[in-house]
Amino acid sequence: MAKEIISCEMSFIPIASQNYIEDVENVLKVISQSGLEFQTNSFSTILTGTKEEILALIGEIIEKMYDNSKFTIVVKLSNICGCNR
């Protein structure tokens, strides 16, 4: 059975931060080191991978940023958009 690929649009929004630019750069570093296919734009990052990979990445971002910043993460998941199905 082929891997089931999903796409994810994610926005990391620092709410109370000493340095919000550094927080966003740290999140982008975690994403770039994940090995997942991704594209960034002004408001969000689009990720493509398996459900397990994407959910693990979101968990990793929460773990790494939890003590550094107060934040909101907005996530949209799709099994049709950008998934080559």
PDB file of N, CA and C in Angstrom:
ATOM      1  N   MET A   1       0.837  -1.181   0.000  1.00  0.00           N
ATOM      2  CA  MET A   1       0.000   0.000   0.000  1.00  0.00           C
ATOM      3  C   MET A   1       0.884   1.248   0.000  1.00  0.00           C
ATOM      4  N   ALA A   2       0.541   2.205  -0.833  1.00  0.00           N
ATOM      5  CA  ALA A   2       1.305   3.445  -0.932  1.00  0.00           C
ATOM      6  C   ALA A   2       1.090   4.295   0.318  1.00  0.00           C
ATOM      7  N   LYS A   3       2.101   5.091   0.628  1.00  0.00           N
ATOM      8  CA  LYS A   3       1.959   6.012   1.758  1.00  0.00           C
ATOM      9  C   LYS A   3       0.863   7.025   1.449  1.00  0.00           C
ATOM     10  N   GLU A   4       0.049   7.296   2.437  1.00  0.00           N
ATOM     11  CA  GLU A   4      -1.010   8.282   2.283  1.00  0.00           C
ATOM     12  C   GLU A   4      -0.449   9.661   2.607  1.00  0.00           C
ATOM     13  N   ILE A   5      -0.383  10.506   1.567  1.00  0.00           N
ATOM     14  CA  ILE A   5       0.209  11.835   1.687  1.00  0.00           C
ATOM     15  C   ILE A   5      -0.886  12.855   1.967  1.00  0.00           C
ATOM     16  N   ILE A   6      -0.588  13.769   2.882  1.00  0.00           N
ATOM     17  CA  ILE A   6      -1.489  14.885   3.149  1.00  0.00           C
ATOM     18  C   ILE A   6      -0.708  16.188   3.002  1.00  0.00           C
ATOM     19  N   SER A   7      -1.450  17.269   2.851  1.00  0.00           N
ATOM     20  CA  SER A   7      -0.824  18.581   2.867  1.00  0.00           C
ATOM     21  C   SER A   7      -1.306  19.327   4.108  1.00  0.00           C
ATOM     22  N   CYS A   8      -0.499  20.273   4.522  1.00  0.00           N
ATOM     23  CA  CYS A   8      -0.769  21.021   5.750  1.00  0.00           C
ATOM     24  C   CYS A   8      -0.368  22.469   5.524  1.00  0.00           C
ATOM     25  N   GLU A   9      -1.262  23.372   5.868  1.00  0.00           N
ATOM     26  CA  GLU A   9      -0.911  24.787   5.903  1.00  0.00           C
ATOM     27  C   GLU A   9      -0.820  25.167   7.370  1.00  0.00           C
ATOM     28  N   MET A  10       0.342  25.662   7.782  1.00  0.00           N
ATOM     29  CA  MET A  10       0.577  25.968   9.185  1.00  0.00           C
ATOM     30  C   MET A  10       1.084  27.394   9.346  1.00  0.00           C
ATOM     31  N   SER A  11       0.519  28.084  10.322  1.00  0.00           N
ATOM     32  CA  SER A  11       0.989  29.422  10.692  1.00  0.00           C
ATOM     33  C   SER A  11       1.372  29.406  12.163  1.00  0.00           C
ATOM     34  N   PHE A  12       2.600  29.788  12.460  1.00  0.00           N
ATOM     35  CA  PHE A  12       3.074  29.942  13.835  1.00  0.00           C
ATOM     36  C   PHE A  12       2.985  31.424  14.158  1.00  0.00           C
ATOM     37  N   ILE A  13       2.225  31.759  15.193  1.00  0.00           N
ATOM     38  CA  ILE A  13       1.981  33.163  15.519  1.00  0.00           C
ATOM     39  C   ILE A  13       2.442  33.437  16.946  1.00  0.00           C
ATOM     40  N   PRO A  14       3.612  34.087  17.116  1.00  0.00           N
ATOM     41  CA  PRO A  14       4.058  34.455  18.456  1.00  0.00           C
ATOM     42  C   PRO A  14       3.123  35.525  19.037  1.00  0.00           C
ATOM     43  N   ILE A  15       2.671  35.312  20.259  1.00  0.00           N
ATOM     44  CA  ILE A  15       1.751  36.253  20.905  1.00  0.00           C
ATOM     45  C   ILE A  15       2.490  37.124  21.923  1.00  0.00           C
ATOM     46  N   ALA A  16       3.237  36.502  22.811  1.00  0.00           N
ATOM     47  CA  ALA A  16       4.026  37.219  23.809  1.00  0.00           C
ATOM     48  C   ALA A  16       5.452  36.685  23.698  1.00  0.00           C
ATOM     49  N   SER A  17       6.308  37.477  23.110  1.00  0.00           N
ATOM     50  CA  SER A  17       7.662  37.021  22.812  1.00  0.00           C
ATOM     51  C   SER A  17       8.651  38.153  23.006  1.00  0.00           C
ATOM     52  N   GLN A  18       9.829  37.802  23.481  1.00  0.00           N
ATOM     53  CA  GLN A  18      10.897  38.789  23.584  1.00  0.00           C
ATOM     54  C   GLN A  18      11.466  39.134  22.210  1.00  0.00           C
ATOM     55  N   ASN A  19      11.407  38.160  21.292  1.00  0.00           N
ATOM     56  CA  ASN A  19      11.951  38.365  19.944  1.00  0.00           C
ATOM     57  C   ASN A  19      11.167  37.489  18.968  1.00  0.00           C
ATOM     58  N   TYR A  20      10.076  38.030  18.450  1.00  0.00           N
ATOM     59  CA  TYR A  20       9.189  37.225  17.599  1.00  0.00           C
ATOM     60  C   TYR A  20       9.862  36.785  16.299  1.00  0.00           C
ATOM     61  N   ILE A  21      10.763  37.588  15.764  1.00  0.00           N
ATOM     62  CA  ILE A  21      11.466  37.201  14.531  1.00  0.00           C
ATOM     63  C   ILE A  21      12.324  35.963  14.787  1.00  0.00           C
ATOM     64  N   GLU A  22      13.030  35.945  15.895  1.00  0.00           N
ATOM     65  CA  GLU A  22      13.845  34.776  16.247  1.00  0.00           C
ATOM     66  C   GLU A  22      12.974  33.541  16.462  1.00  0.00           C
ATOM     67  N   ASP A  23      11.801  33.729  17.074  1.00  0.00           N
ATOM     68  CA  ASP A  23      10.890  32.598  17.278  1.00  0.00           C
ATOM     69  C   ASP A  23      10.457  31.995  15.943  1.00  0.00           C
ATOM     70  N   VAL A  24      10.064  32.834  15.010  1.00  0.00           N
ATOM     71  CA  VAL A  24       9.646  32.347  13.694  1.00  0.00           C
ATOM     72  C   VAL A  24      10.823  31.671  12.988  1.00  0.00           C
ATOM     73  N   GLU A  25      12.009  32.259  13.072  1.00  0.00           N
ATOM     74  CA  GLU A  25      13.192  31.642  12.455  1.00  0.00           C
ATOM     75  C   GLU A  25      13.490  30.272  13.078  1.00  0.00           C
ATOM     76  N   ASN A  26      13.304  30.138  14.389  1.00  0.00           N
ATOM     77  CA  ASN A  26      13.530  28.844  15.049  1.00  0.00           C
ATOM     78  C   ASN A  26      12.533  27.792  14.557  1.00  0.00           C
ATOM     79  N   VAL A  27      11.278  28.183  14.385  1.00  0.00           N
ATOM     80  CA  VAL A  27      10.274  27.251  13.867  1.00  0.00           C
ATOM     81  C   VAL A  27      10.626  26.844  12.437  1.00  0.00           C
ATOM     82  N   LEU A  28      11.038  27.798  11.617  1.00  0.00           N
ATOM     83  CA  LEU A  28      11.414  27.475  10.234  1.00  0.00           C
ATOM     84  C   LEU A  28      12.633  26.555  10.190  1.00  0.00           C
ATOM     85  N   LYS A  29      13.532  26.699  11.152  1.00  0.00           N
ATOM     86  CA  LYS A  29      14.683  25.805  11.231  1.00  0.00           C
ATOM     87  C   LYS A  29      14.241  24.377  11.534  1.00  0.00           C
ATOM     88  N   VAL A  30      13.305  24.218  12.472  1.00  0.00           N
ATOM     89  CA  VAL A  30      12.774  22.886  12.800  1.00  0.00           C
ATOM     90  C   VAL A  30      12.125  22.280  11.554  1.00  0.00           C
ATOM     91  N   ILE A  31      11.356  23.088  10.837  1.00  0.00           N
ATOM     92  CA  ILE A  31      10.692  22.601   9.629  1.00  0.00           C
ATOM     93  C   ILE A  31      11.720  22.188   8.580  1.00  0.00           C
ATOM     94  N   SER A  32      12.726  23.021   8.361  1.00  0.00           N
ATOM     95  CA  SER A  32      13.721  22.707   7.318  1.00  0.00           C
ATOM     96  C   SER A  32      14.536  21.465   7.669  1.00  0.00           C
ATOM     97  N   GLN A  33      14.721  21.192   8.948  1.00  0.00           N
ATOM     98  CA  GLN A  33      15.484  20.013   9.366  1.00  0.00           C
ATOM     99  C   GLN A  33      14.626  18.737   9.392  1.00  0.00           C
ATOM    100  N   SER A  34      13.332  18.881   9.171  1.00  0.00           N
ATOM    101  CA  SER A  34      12.425  17.728   9.249  1.00  0.00           C
ATOM    102  C   SER A  34      12.556  16.787   8.056  1.00  0.00           C
ATOM    103  N   GLY A  35      13.056  17.297   6.947  1.00  0.00           N
ATOM    104  CA  GLY A  35      13.139  16.490   5.737  1.00  0.00           C
ATOM    105  C   GLY A  35      11.857  16.476   4.928  1.00  0.00           C
ATOM    106  N   LEU A  36      10.818  17.138   5.419  1.00  0.00           N
ATOM    107  CA  LEU A  36       9.556  17.207   4.679  1.00  0.00           C
ATOM    108  C   LEU A  36       9.633  18.263   3.582  1.00  0.00           C
ATOM    109  N   GLU A  37       8.844  18.051   2.545  1.00  0.00           N
ATOM    110  CA  GLU A  37       8.721  19.055   1.490  1.00  0.00           C
ATOM    111  C   GLU A  37       7.929  20.228   2.061  1.00  0.00           C
ATOM    112  N   PHE A  38       8.426  21.464   1.855  1.00  0.00           N
ATOM    113  CA  PHE A  38       7.695  22.621   2.374  1.00  0.00           C
ATOM    114  C   PHE A  38       7.932  23.842   1.506  1.00  0.00           C
ATOM    115  N   GLN A  39       7.005  24.787   1.612  1.00  0.00           N
ATOM    116  CA  GLN A  39       7.067  26.076   0.932  1.00  0.00           C
ATOM    117  C   GLN A  39       6.632  27.130   1.923  1.00  0.00           C
ATOM    118  N   THR A  40       7.362  28.218   2.008  1.00  0.00           N
ATOM    119  CA  THR A  40       6.951  29.294   2.906  1.00  0.00           C
ATOM    120  C   THR A  40       6.409  30.459   2.092  1.00  0.00           C
ATOM    121  N   ASN A  41       5.514  31.218   2.714  1.00  0.00           N
ATOM    122  CA  ASN A  41       5.048  32.474   2.141  1.00  0.00           C
ATOM    123  C   ASN A  41       4.916  33.479   3.280  1.00  0.00           C
ATOM    124  N   SER A  42       4.338  34.606   3.023  1.00  0.00           N
ATOM    125  CA  SER A  42       4.285  35.678   4.028  1.00  0.00           C
ATOM    126  C   SER A  42       3.496  35.322   5.279  1.00  0.00           C
ATOM    127  N   PHE A  43       2.491  34.461   5.146  1.00  0.00           N
ATOM    128  CA  PHE A  43       1.597  34.200   6.267  1.00  0.00           C
ATOM    129  C   PHE A  43       1.622  32.782   6.791  1.00  0.00           C
ATOM    130  N   SER A  44       2.166  31.838   6.016  1.00  0.00           N
ATOM    131  CA  SER A  44       2.098  30.446   6.446  1.00  0.00           C
ATOM    132  C   SER A  44       3.162  29.613   5.739  1.00  0.00           C
ATOM    133  N   THR A  45       3.220  28.360   6.137  1.00  0.00           N
ATOM    134  CA  THR A  45       4.106  27.377   5.508  1.00  0.00           C
ATOM    135  C   THR A  45       3.238  26.206   5.070  1.00  0.00           C
ATOM    136  N   ILE A  46       3.470  25.745   3.846  1.00  0.00           N
ATOM    137  CA  ILE A  46       2.754  24.592   3.308  1.00  0.00           C
ATOM    138  C   ILE A  46       3.686  23.391   3.403  1.00  0.00           C
ATOM    139  N   LEU A  47       3.207  22.316   4.014  1.00  0.00           N
ATOM    140  CA  LEU A  47       3.988  21.090   4.190  1.00  0.00           C
ATOM    141  C   LEU A  47       3.312  19.944   3.462  1.00  0.00           C
ATOM    142  N   THR A  48       4.108  18.992   2.990  1.00  0.00           N
ATOM    143  CA  THR A  48       3.577  17.772   2.389  1.00  0.00           C
ATOM    144  C   THR A  48       4.307  16.591   2.993  1.00  0.00           C
ATOM    145  N   GLY A  49       3.553  15.579   3.418  1.00  0.00           N
ATOM    146  CA  GLY A  49       4.151  14.386   3.997  1.00  0.00           C
ATOM    147  C   GLY A  49       3.063  13.435   4.446  1.00  0.00           C
ATOM    148  N   THR A  50       3.453  12.396   5.133  1.00  0.00           N
ATOM    149  CA  THR A  50       2.435  11.499   5.679  1.00  0.00           C
ATOM    150  C   THR A  50       1.794  12.165   6.896  1.00  0.00           C
ATOM    151  N   LYS A  51       0.625  11.670   7.246  1.00  0.00           N
ATOM    152  CA  LYS A  51      -0.071  12.197   8.422  1.00  0.00           C
ATOM    153  C   LYS A  51       0.829  12.099   9.651  1.00  0.00           C
ATOM    154  N   GLU A  52       1.488  10.962   9.804  1.00  0.00           N
ATOM    155  CA  GLU A  52       2.354  10.749  10.969  1.00  0.00           C
ATOM    156  C   GLU A  52       3.519  11.737  10.991  1.00  0.00           C
ATOM    157  N   GLU A  53       4.130  11.981   9.829  1.00  0.00           N
ATOM    158  CA  GLU A  53       5.265  12.912   9.757  1.00  0.00           C
ATOM    159  C   GLU A  53       4.836  14.329  10.108  1.00  0.00           C
ATOM    160  N   ILE A  54       3.720  14.756   9.561  1.00  0.00           N
ATOM    161  CA  ILE A  54       3.264  16.126   9.794  1.00  0.00           C
ATOM    162  C   ILE A  54       2.835  16.321  11.245  1.00  0.00           C
ATOM    163  N   LEU A  55       2.084  15.382  11.791  1.00  0.00           N
ATOM    164  CA  LEU A  55       1.669  15.518  13.189  1.00  0.00           C
ATOM    165  C   LEU A  55       2.859  15.463  14.143  1.00  0.00           C
ATOM    166  N   ALA A  56       3.860  14.644  13.823  1.00  0.00           N
ATOM    167  CA  ALA A  56       5.075  14.591  14.645  1.00  0.00           C
ATOM    168  C   ALA A  56       5.815  15.925  14.586  1.00  0.00           C
ATOM    169  N   LEU A  57       5.876  16.536  13.408  1.00  0.00           N
ATOM    170  CA  LEU A  57       6.544  17.829  13.266  1.00  0.00           C
ATOM    171  C   LEU A  57       5.827  18.901  14.074  1.00  0.00           C
ATOM    172  N   ILE A  58       4.512  18.932  14.013  1.00  0.00           N
ATOM    173  CA  ILE A  58       3.756  19.916  14.799  1.00  0.00           C
ATOM    174  C   ILE A  58       4.042  19.718  16.292  1.00  0.00           C
ATOM    175  N   GLY A  59       4.064  18.465  16.739  1.00  0.00           N
ATOM    176  CA  GLY A  59       4.406  18.177  18.137  1.00  0.00           C
ATOM    177  C   GLY A  59       5.801  18.633  18.504  1.00  0.00           C
ATOM    178  N   GLU A  60       6.749  18.424  17.596  1.00  0.00           N
ATOM    179  CA  GLU A  60       8.129  18.854  17.850  1.00  0.00           C
ATOM    180  C   GLU A  60       8.223  20.377  17.968  1.00  0.00           C
ATOM    181  N   ILE A  61       7.507  21.091  17.111  1.00  0.00           N
ATOM    182  CA  ILE A  61       7.512  22.562  17.182  1.00  0.00           C
ATOM    183  C   ILE A  61       6.943  23.019  18.520  1.00  0.00           C
ATOM    184  N   ILE A  62       5.852  22.423  18.945  1.00  0.00           N
ATOM    185  CA  ILE A  62       5.255  22.792  20.238  1.00  0.00           C
ATOM    186  C   ILE A  62       6.245  22.540  21.366  1.00  0.00           C
ATOM    187  N   GLU A  63       6.876  21.370  21.370  1.00  0.00           N
ATOM    188  CA  GLU A  63       7.859  21.038  22.414  1.00  0.00           C
ATOM    189  C   GLU A  63       9.013  22.032  22.445  1.00  0.00           C
ATOM    190  N   LYS A  64       9.570  22.357  21.276  1.00  0.00           N
ATOM    191  CA  LYS A  64      10.745  23.239  21.221  1.00  0.00           C
ATOM    192  C   LYS A  64      10.412  24.678  21.571  1.00  0.00           C
ATOM    193  N   MET A  65       9.196  25.118  21.268  1.00  0.00           N
ATOM    194  CA  MET A  65       8.862  26.525  21.460  1.00  0.00           C
ATOM    195  C   MET A  65       8.087  26.795  22.754  1.00  0.00           C
ATOM    196  N   TYR A  66       7.640  25.749  23.422  1.00  0.00           N
ATOM    197  CA  TYR A  66       6.737  25.891  24.558  1.00  0.00           C
ATOM    198  C   TYR A  66       7.271  26.832  25.643  1.00  0.00           C
ATOM    199  N   ASP A  67       8.508  26.681  26.027  1.00  0.00           N
ATOM    200  CA  ASP A  67       9.071  27.495  27.105  1.00  0.00           C
ATOM    201  C   ASP A  67       9.634  28.829  26.619  1.00  0.00           C
ATOM    202  N   ASN A  68       9.794  28.994  25.304  1.00  0.00           N
ATOM    203  CA  ASN A  68      10.427  30.200  24.763  1.00  0.00           C
ATOM    204  C   ASN A  68       9.449  31.317  24.452  1.00  0.00           C
ATOM    205  N   SER A  69       8.193  30.974  24.223  1.00  0.00           N
ATOM    206  CA  SER A  69       7.275  31.959  23.677  1.00  0.00           C
ATOM    207  C   SER A  69       5.839  31.544  23.965  1.00  0.00           C
ATOM    208  N   LYS A  70       4.968  32.503  24.039  1.00  0.00           N
ATOM    209  CA  LYS A  70       3.532  32.243  24.043  1.00  0.00           C
ATOM    210  C   LYS A  70       3.103  32.362  22.587  1.00  0.00           C
ATOM    211  N   PHE A  71       2.353  31.374  22.104  1.00  0.00           N
ATOM    212  CA  PHE A  71       2.076  31.344  20.666  1.00  0.00           C
ATOM    213  C   PHE A  71       0.753  30.674  20.357  1.00  0.00           C
ATOM    214  N   THR A  72       0.324  30.872  19.143  1.00  0.00           N
ATOM    215  CA  THR A  72      -0.802  30.160  18.559  1.00  0.00           C
ATOM    216  C   THR A  72      -0.291  29.510  17.282  1.00  0.00           C
ATOM    217  N   ILE A  73      -0.725  28.279  17.038  1.00  0.00           N
ATOM    218  CA  ILE A  73      -0.426  27.613  15.772  1.00  0.00           C
ATOM    219  C   ILE A  73      -1.762  27.324  15.095  1.00  0.00           C
ATOM    220  N   VAL A  74      -1.903  27.808  13.876  1.00  0.00           N
ATOM    221  CA  VAL A  74      -3.095  27.556  13.079  1.00  0.00           C
ATOM    222  C   VAL A  74      -2.725  26.500  12.050  1.00  0.00           C
ATOM    223  N   VAL A  75      -3.495  25.395  12.004  1.00  0.00           N
ATOM    224  CA  VAL A  75      -3.177  24.272  11.127  1.00  0.00           C
ATOM    225  C   VAL A  75      -4.398  23.905  10.303  1.00  0.00           C
ATOM    226  N   LYS A  76      -4.193  23.752   8.998  1.00  0.00           N
ATOM    227  CA  LYS A  76      -5.208  23.204   8.096  1.00  0.00           C
ATOM    228  C   LYS A  76      -4.612  21.963   7.468  1.00  0.00           C
ATOM    229  N   LEU A  77      -5.343  20.846   7.494  1.00  0.00           N
ATOM    230  CA  LEU A  77      -4.891  19.587   6.915  1.00  0.00           C
ATOM    231  C   LEU A  77      -5.821  19.200   5.772  1.00  0.00           C
ATOM    232  N   SER A  78      -5.243  18.618   4.721  1.00  0.00           N
ATOM    233  CA  SER A  78      -6.040  18.194   3.578  1.00  0.00           C
ATOM    234  C   SER A  78      -5.484  16.897   3.007  1.00  0.00           C
ATOM    235  N   ASN A  79      -6.370  16.006   2.611  1.00  0.00           N
ATOM    236  CA  ASN A  79      -5.921  14.805   1.928  1.00  0.00           C
ATOM    237  C   ASN A  79      -6.185  14.893   0.428  1.00  0.00           C
ATOM    238  N   ILE A  80      -6.513  16.090  -0.049  1.00  0.00           N
ATOM    239  CA  ILE A  80      -6.764  16.274  -1.471  1.00  0.00           C
ATOM    240  C   ILE A  80      -5.939  17.427  -2.056  1.00  0.00           C
ATOM    241  N   CYS A  81      -5.822  18.523  -1.340  1.00  0.00           N
ATOM    242  CA  CYS A  81      -5.111  19.695  -1.876  1.00  0.00           C
ATOM    243  C   CYS A  81      -3.608  19.481  -1.857  1.00  0.00           C
ATOM    244  N   GLY A  82      -2.972  19.514  -3.006  1.00  0.00           N
ATOM    245  CA  GLY A  82      -1.521  19.400  -3.099  1.00  0.00           C
ATOM    246  C   GLY A  82      -0.970  18.021  -2.805  1.00  0.00           C
ATOM    247  N   CYS A  83      -1.825  17.002  -2.889  1.00  0.00           N
ATOM    248  CA  CYS A  83      -1.388  15.650  -2.508  1.00  0.00           C
ATOM    249  C   CYS A  83      -1.168  14.727  -3.696  1.00  0.00           C
ATOM    250  N   ASN A  84      -1.376  15.219  -4.901  1.00  0.00           N
ATOM    251  CA  ASN A  84      -1.207  14.410  -6.114  1.00  0.00           C
ATOM    252  C   ASN A  84      -2.025  13.131  -6.064  1.00  0.00           C
ATOM    253  N   ARG A  85      -3.260  13.239  -5.644  1.00  0.00           N
ATOM    254  CA  ARG A  85      -4.162  12.070  -5.557  1.00  0.00           C
ATOM    255  C   ARG A  85      -4.979  11.942  -6.808  1.00  0.00           C
TER     256      ARG A  85
END
